[in-house]
C-alpha cells in the first residue's frame, strides 16, 4: 500500500479519520493525500436563485463571489487543520492537501488510479443532527469507489484486534486476499467469523477457506462460527472481544446486486463503534 486518500469535510469525524490515516501511514509507510471538495450544489440552492431574481444580476454575482471567497477560506482552514494532525504525528513529509470544487463522488475517478485506499468518516459535518443515520456522501462514495474504503468511527483507538466477517462472497474473498498480503495488519490479532445462514457445513467451508488464505500470508487467525441474526451476532462479537477494526464486503453473497450498499453492511457501519474496512 503506497498511498491513502483521506476525504475531509472539517467535521469531528473527519479529524478522527485523519488520526486513523496517520496510524495506517506508520503501519505501511504510505503517503497521504487529504482531499476537500466544495460541494458545487451549495451555489445552486433556491435561495441563490431567489437572490438573483430579487436583486438583479449584478448584485447576485457579487454575493455569489463573496460566497465562493468564503468557501475558499473555509477550505483553507479545513485542510490546514487536517495537516496539523499529521504534523503532530511526525508525518508532515508524507502529506499533500488538495481543494476541489464539484462532487466528491465525481472527483474520486481522478484519484483512484493512484490511491490504494479511500478513507472517510461515517458521518459528516451534520452528524449531531442525525446520529442514527449514515452520511449520504459516505454511502455514495462506497458505492462508487473501486478501491477499498475505510469508514472511520467517532473516536480514535489504535486497533489491536481485527475481525473479518466472512460469508464466502466475492467481496469477502478480495478482503482476505488484501489482508494476507498487506502490512496493514502485521502485529494485530486477526479474528475471522462466519454466521450460519443455511447449513453449518457451508459456514465451516467458508471459515476454512478464509483461514487457509490468512495462514498462507503468515497470520494465525482465531476462527469462530456464529449463530443467530447476522448483524447482532457480529456486533456482539465486536463488543465482547474488544475488536478495533471490522473488515467485510460491501455487498453480501447474494444473487441480487443492490443499488445501495448491502443491508448488513449498512447496519454494521451504523451500529458498530469501530472503523469498518469495506471491499466491493
Protein backbone atom coordinates (compact mmCIF):
# COMPACT_ATOMS: atom_id res chain seq x y z
CA UNK A 1 0.00 0.00 0.00
CA UNK A 2 1.62 3.20 -1.20
CA UNK A 3 -0.96 5.98 -1.00
CA UNK A 4 -4.04 6.85 1.05
CA UNK A 5 -6.80 9.24 0.00
CA UNK A 6 -8.40 10.93 3.02
CA UNK A 7 -11.69 12.70 2.33
CA UNK A 8 -12.41 15.51 4.79
CA UNK A 9 -15.24 17.95 5.39
CA UNK A 10 -13.85 19.54 8.54
CA UNK A 11 -16.15 17.59 10.86
CA UNK A 12 -15.11 15.85 14.07
CA UNK A 13 -15.48 12.53 12.25
CA UNK A 14 -13.11 13.76 9.54
CA UNK A 15 -10.50 14.66 12.15
CA UNK A 16 -10.69 11.14 13.57
CA UNK A 17 -10.32 9.84 10.02
CA UNK A 18 -7.04 11.77 9.79
CA UNK A 19 -5.88 10.15 13.04
CA UNK A 20 -6.55 6.71 11.61
CA UNK A 21 -4.75 7.70 8.41
CA UNK A 22 -1.71 8.73 10.48
CA UNK A 23 -1.73 5.38 12.25
CA UNK A 24 -2.08 3.49 8.98
CA UNK A 25 0.65 5.50 7.27
CA UNK A 26 3.04 4.47 10.03
CA UNK A 27 1.96 0.84 9.66
CA UNK A 28 2.58 0.60 5.92
CA UNK A 29 4.75 3.63 5.08
CA UNK A 30 2.12 5.12 2.76
CA UNK A 31 1.90 8.73 1.68
CA UNK A 32 -1.36 10.62 2.30
CA UNK A 33 -3.45 12.92 0.16
CA UNK A 34 -6.11 14.92 2.00
CA UNK A 35 -8.97 15.99 -0.24
CA UNK A 36 -11.61 18.59 0.50
CA UNK A 37 -14.31 19.04 -2.13
CA UNK A 38 -16.51 22.12 -2.17
CA UNK A 39 -19.99 20.87 -2.98
CA UNK A 40 -20.99 22.59 -6.19
CA UNK A 41 -24.66 22.31 -5.27
CA UNK A 42 -24.42 24.87 -2.48
CA UNK A 43 -24.16 27.60 -5.11
CA UNK A 44 -27.29 26.32 -6.86
CA UNK A 45 -29.80 26.28 -4.00
CA UNK A 46 -33.17 28.05 -4.36
CA UNK A 47 -32.01 30.87 -2.06
CA UNK A 48 -29.31 31.84 -4.52
CA UNK A 49 -31.82 31.68 -7.36
CA UNK A 50 -34.22 33.86 -5.39
CA UNK A 51 -31.48 36.38 -4.73
CA UNK A 52 -30.69 36.62 -8.42
CA UNK A 53 -34.32 37.34 -9.20
CA UNK A 54 -34.92 39.89 -6.48
CA UNK A 55 -31.60 41.73 -6.52
CA UNK A 56 -30.76 41.75 -10.19
CA UNK A 57 -27.89 40.00 -11.90
CA UNK A 58 -25.03 42.28 -10.82
CA UNK A 59 -25.73 42.19 -7.04
CA UNK A 60 -26.34 38.47 -7.35
CA UNK A 61 -22.95 37.94 -8.96
CA UNK A 62 -21.32 39.98 -6.21
CA UNK A 63 -22.96 37.88 -3.48
CA UNK A 64 -22.05 34.67 -5.29
CA UNK A 65 -18.46 35.86 -5.49
CA UNK A 66 -18.44 36.55 -1.75
CA UNK A 67 -19.85 33.09 -1.02
CA UNK A 68 -17.16 31.48 -3.17
CA UNK A 69 -14.48 33.52 -1.41
CA UNK A 70 -15.79 32.41 1.99
CA UNK A 71 -15.81 28.81 0.83
CA UNK A 72 -12.18 29.10 -0.29
CA UNK A 73 -11.23 30.40 3.15
CA UNK A 74 -13.18 27.57 4.77
CA UNK A 75 -11.36 25.03 2.62
CA UNK A 76 -8.00 26.51 3.59
CA UNK A 77 -8.82 26.25 7.30
CA UNK A 78 -10.11 22.68 6.97
CA UNK A 79 -7.03 21.47 5.11
CA UNK A 80 -4.67 23.28 7.49
CA UNK A 81 -6.39 21.63 10.47
CA UNK A 82 -6.05 18.22 8.80
CA UNK A 83 -2.36 18.87 8.09
CA UNK A 84 -1.80 19.65 11.78
CA UNK A 85 -2.99 16.15 12.72
CA UNK A 86 -0.28 14.63 10.54
CA UNK A 87 2.30 17.18 11.66
CA UNK A 88 1.73 16.20 15.28
CA UNK A 89 2.24 12.57 14.26
CA UNK A 90 5.55 13.42 12.58
CA UNK A 91 4.22 12.82 9.09
CA UNK A 92 4.43 16.26 7.50
CA UNK A 93 6.66 14.96 4.73
CA UNK A 94 4.08 12.32 3.82
CA UNK A 95 1.09 14.64 3.31
CA UNK A 96 -0.31 16.70 0.47
CA UNK A 97 -3.59 18.64 0.58
CA UNK A 98 -5.98 19.34 -2.29
CA UNK A 99 -9.09 21.50 -2.69
CA UNK A 100 -11.53 20.76 -5.50
CA UNK A 101 -14.96 22.09 -6.45
CA UNK A 102 -17.61 19.66 -7.63
CA UNK A 103 -18.98 16.47 -6.12
CA UNK A 104 -16.80 14.14 -4.09
CA UNK A 105 -18.05 11.03 -5.89
CA UNK A 106 -17.20 12.55 -9.27
CA UNK A 107 -13.73 13.55 -8.07
CA UNK A 108 -12.83 10.02 -6.97
CA UNK A 109 -12.23 8.85 -10.51
CA UNK A 110 -9.40 11.40 -10.82
CA UNK A 111 -7.56 9.86 -7.88
CA UNK A 112 -8.31 6.15 -7.75
CA UNK A 113 -5.67 5.16 -10.27
CA UNK A 114 -3.06 6.45 -7.80
CA UNK A 115 -4.69 5.68 -4.44
CA UNK A 116 -4.74 2.28 -2.76
CA UNK A 117 -7.32 3.07 -0.08
CA UNK A 118 -10.09 5.65 0.34
CA UNK A 119 -10.78 6.88 3.87
CA UNK A 120 -13.65 8.95 5.24
CA UNK A 121 -15.72 9.38 8.38
CA UNK A 122 -19.01 7.54 8.58
CA UNK A 123 -20.85 10.78 9.25
CA UNK A 124 -20.24 14.31 8.05
CA UNK A 125 -20.43 17.84 9.35
CA UNK A 126 -24.14 17.47 10.24
CA UNK A 127 -23.57 14.31 12.29
CA UNK A 128 -25.02 15.70 15.51
CA UNK A 129 -28.36 16.38 13.84
CA UNK A 130 -28.89 12.81 12.66
CA UNK A 131 -26.98 10.47 14.91
CA UNK A 132 -28.81 7.34 13.74
CA UNK A 133 -28.38 7.99 10.02
CA UNK A 134 -25.29 7.42 7.95
CA UNK A 135 -23.75 10.19 5.91
CA UNK A 136 -25.23 10.12 2.43
CA UNK A 137 -21.86 11.14 0.96
CA UNK A 138 -20.22 8.16 2.65
CA UNK A 139 -22.72 5.74 1.12
CA UNK A 140 -22.29 7.22 -2.35
CA UNK A 141 -18.51 7.01 -2.07
CA UNK A 142 -18.62 3.35 -1.03
CA UNK A 143 -20.87 2.57 -4.00
CA UNK A 144 -18.74 4.50 -6.47
CA UNK A 145 -15.22 3.62 -5.36
CA UNK A 146 -13.28 0.79 -6.96
CA UNK A 147 -10.80 0.88 -4.08
CA UNK A 148 -11.24 -0.47 -0.56
CA UNK A 149 -12.92 2.09 1.69
CA UNK A 150 -12.08 2.57 5.36
CA UNK A 151 -15.07 4.18 7.09
CA UNK A 152 -13.87 5.54 10.41
CA UNK A 153 -15.76 5.96 13.67
CA UNK A 154 -16.38 8.80 16.13
CA UNK A 155 -13.17 8.38 18.14
CA UNK A 156 -9.69 7.01 17.54
CA UNK A 157 -8.25 3.92 19.19
CA UNK A 158 -5.29 2.04 17.74
CA UNK A 159 -6.58 -1.37 16.61
CA UNK A 160 -5.16 -4.37 18.48
CA UNK A 161 -7.60 -6.90 17.06
CA UNK A 162 -9.26 -7.00 13.65
CA UNK A 163 -12.36 -9.00 12.76
CA UNK A 164 -13.15 -10.35 9.29
CA UNK A 165 -16.86 -11.03 8.72
CA UNK A 166 -16.62 -13.69 6.03
CA UNK A 167 -19.52 -15.10 4.02
CA UNK A 168 -17.69 -16.61 1.07
CA UNK A 169 -18.78 -13.86 -1.32
CA UNK A 170 -16.53 -12.26 -3.91
CA UNK A 171 -16.02 -9.04 -1.96
CA UNK A 172 -15.07 -11.02 1.17
CA UNK A 173 -12.54 -13.02 -0.81
CA UNK A 174 -10.98 -9.77 -2.01
CA UNK A 175 -10.82 -8.58 1.60
CA UNK A 176 -8.97 -11.67 2.82
CA UNK A 177 -6.57 -11.64 -0.12
CA UNK A 178 -5.81 -7.96 0.58
CA UNK A 179 -5.24 -8.65 4.27
CA UNK A 180 -2.97 -11.63 3.65
CA UNK A 181 -0.54 -9.61 1.57
CA UNK A 182 -0.74 -6.21 3.32
CA UNK A 183 1.45 -4.90 6.13
CA UNK A 184 -1.60 -3.06 7.45
CA UNK A 185 -2.43 -5.90 9.83
CA UNK A 186 1.05 -7.01 10.89
CA UNK A 187 1.27 -7.24 14.65
CA UNK A 188 -2.52 -7.24 15.03
CA UNK A 189 -4.57 -10.24 16.16
CA UNK A 190 -6.86 -11.41 13.35
CA UNK A 191 -10.27 -12.97 14.04
CA UNK A 192 -12.47 -14.50 11.34
CA UNK A 193 -16.15 -15.21 11.85
CA UNK A 194 -18.93 -16.52 9.67
CA UNK A 195 -22.59 -16.53 10.62
CA UNK A 196 -24.53 -19.70 9.88
CA UNK A 197 -27.29 -18.84 7.43
CA UNK A 198 -28.34 -22.20 5.96
CA UNK A 199 -26.02 -25.01 6.96
CA UNK A 200 -23.09 -25.37 9.31
CA UNK A 201 -21.24 -27.30 6.61
CA UNK A 202 -21.27 -24.23 4.33
CA UNK A 203 -20.22 -21.96 7.17
CA UNK A 204 -17.36 -24.27 8.10
CA UNK A 205 -16.25 -24.38 4.48
CA UNK A 206 -16.15 -20.56 4.41
CA UNK A 207 -14.14 -20.42 7.62
CA UNK A 208 -11.58 -22.91 6.40
CA UNK A 209 -11.25 -21.07 3.09
CA UNK A 210 -10.50 -17.76 4.82
CA UNK A 211 -8.23 -19.35 7.41
CA UNK A 212 -6.13 -21.05 4.74
CA UNK A 213 -5.55 -17.76 2.90
CA UNK A 214 -4.62 -15.90 6.06
CA UNK A 215 -2.23 -18.61 7.21
CA UNK A 216 -0.58 -18.52 3.79
CA UNK A 217 0.03 -14.81 4.47
CA UNK A 218 1.75 -15.55 7.76
CA UNK A 219 -1.19 -14.96 10.12
CA UNK A 220 -2.59 -17.25 12.81
CA UNK A 221 -6.26 -16.24 12.88
CA UNK A 222 -8.83 -17.06 15.52
CA UNK A 223 -11.80 -18.60 13.69
CA UNK A 224 -15.35 -18.75 15.01
CA UNK A 225 -18.71 -19.90 13.69
CA UNK A 226 -21.62 -17.74 14.92
CA UNK A 227 -25.37 -18.36 15.04
CA UNK A 228 -28.34 -16.02 15.01
CA UNK A 229 -29.10 -12.72 13.33
CA UNK A 230 -26.07 -11.66 11.27
CA UNK A 231 -25.91 -8.04 12.40
CA UNK A 232 -26.48 -8.83 16.06
CA UNK A 233 -24.02 -11.73 16.10
CA UNK A 234 -21.21 -9.69 14.54
CA UNK A 235 -21.89 -6.60 16.66
CA UNK A 236 -21.86 -8.73 19.81
CA UNK A 237 -18.58 -10.36 18.80
CA UNK A 238 -17.00 -6.95 18.14
CA UNK A 239 -18.01 -5.68 21.59
CA UNK A 240 -17.21 -8.86 23.52
CA UNK A 241 -13.77 -9.42 22.00
CA UNK A 242 -12.54 -5.81 22.04
CA UNK A 243 -12.30 -5.68 18.25
CA UNK A 244 -10.74 -2.46 16.95
CA UNK A 245 -11.47 -2.81 13.24
CA UNK A 246 -14.11 -4.69 11.25
CA UNK A 247 -13.42 -5.95 7.71
CA UNK A 248 -16.25 -7.04 5.44
CA UNK A 249 -17.62 -6.98 1.92
CA UNK A 250 -19.70 -4.00 0.88
CA UNK A 251 -22.13 -6.44 -0.73
CA UNK A 252 -23.30 -9.76 0.63
CA UNK A 253 -23.12 -13.15 -1.02
CA UNK A 254 -26.35 -12.68 -2.94
CA UNK A 255 -27.74 -13.06 -6.43
CA UNK A 256 -29.17 -9.57 -6.19
CA UNK A 257 -26.88 -6.61 -6.82
CA UNK A 258 -28.33 -3.79 -4.77
CA UNK A 259 -28.21 -0.17 -5.92
CA UNK A 260 -27.24 0.70 -2.38
CA UNK A 261 -24.61 -1.00 -0.26
CA UNK A 262 -25.75 -4.23 1.31
CA UNK A 263 -28.24 -4.00 4.17
CA UNK A 264 -26.00 -5.96 6.54
CA UNK A 265 -23.07 -3.68 5.71
CA UNK A 266 -25.14 -0.55 6.30
CA UNK A 267 -26.34 -1.86 9.64
CA UNK A 268 -22.83 -2.81 10.75
CA UNK A 269 -21.45 0.64 9.91
CA UNK A 270 -24.33 2.27 11.75
CA UNK A 271 -24.18 0.21 14.94
CA UNK A 272 -20.50 -0.67 15.34
CA UNK A 273 -18.33 1.73 17.29
CA UNK A 274 -15.21 0.76 15.36
CA UNK A 275 -13.95 1.56 11.85
CA UNK A 276 -15.17 -0.67 9.01
CA UNK A 277 -12.96 -1.58 6.06
CA UNK A 278 -15.13 -2.33 3.04
CA UNK A 279 -14.39 -4.17 -0.18
CA UNK A 280 -16.53 -4.31 -3.32
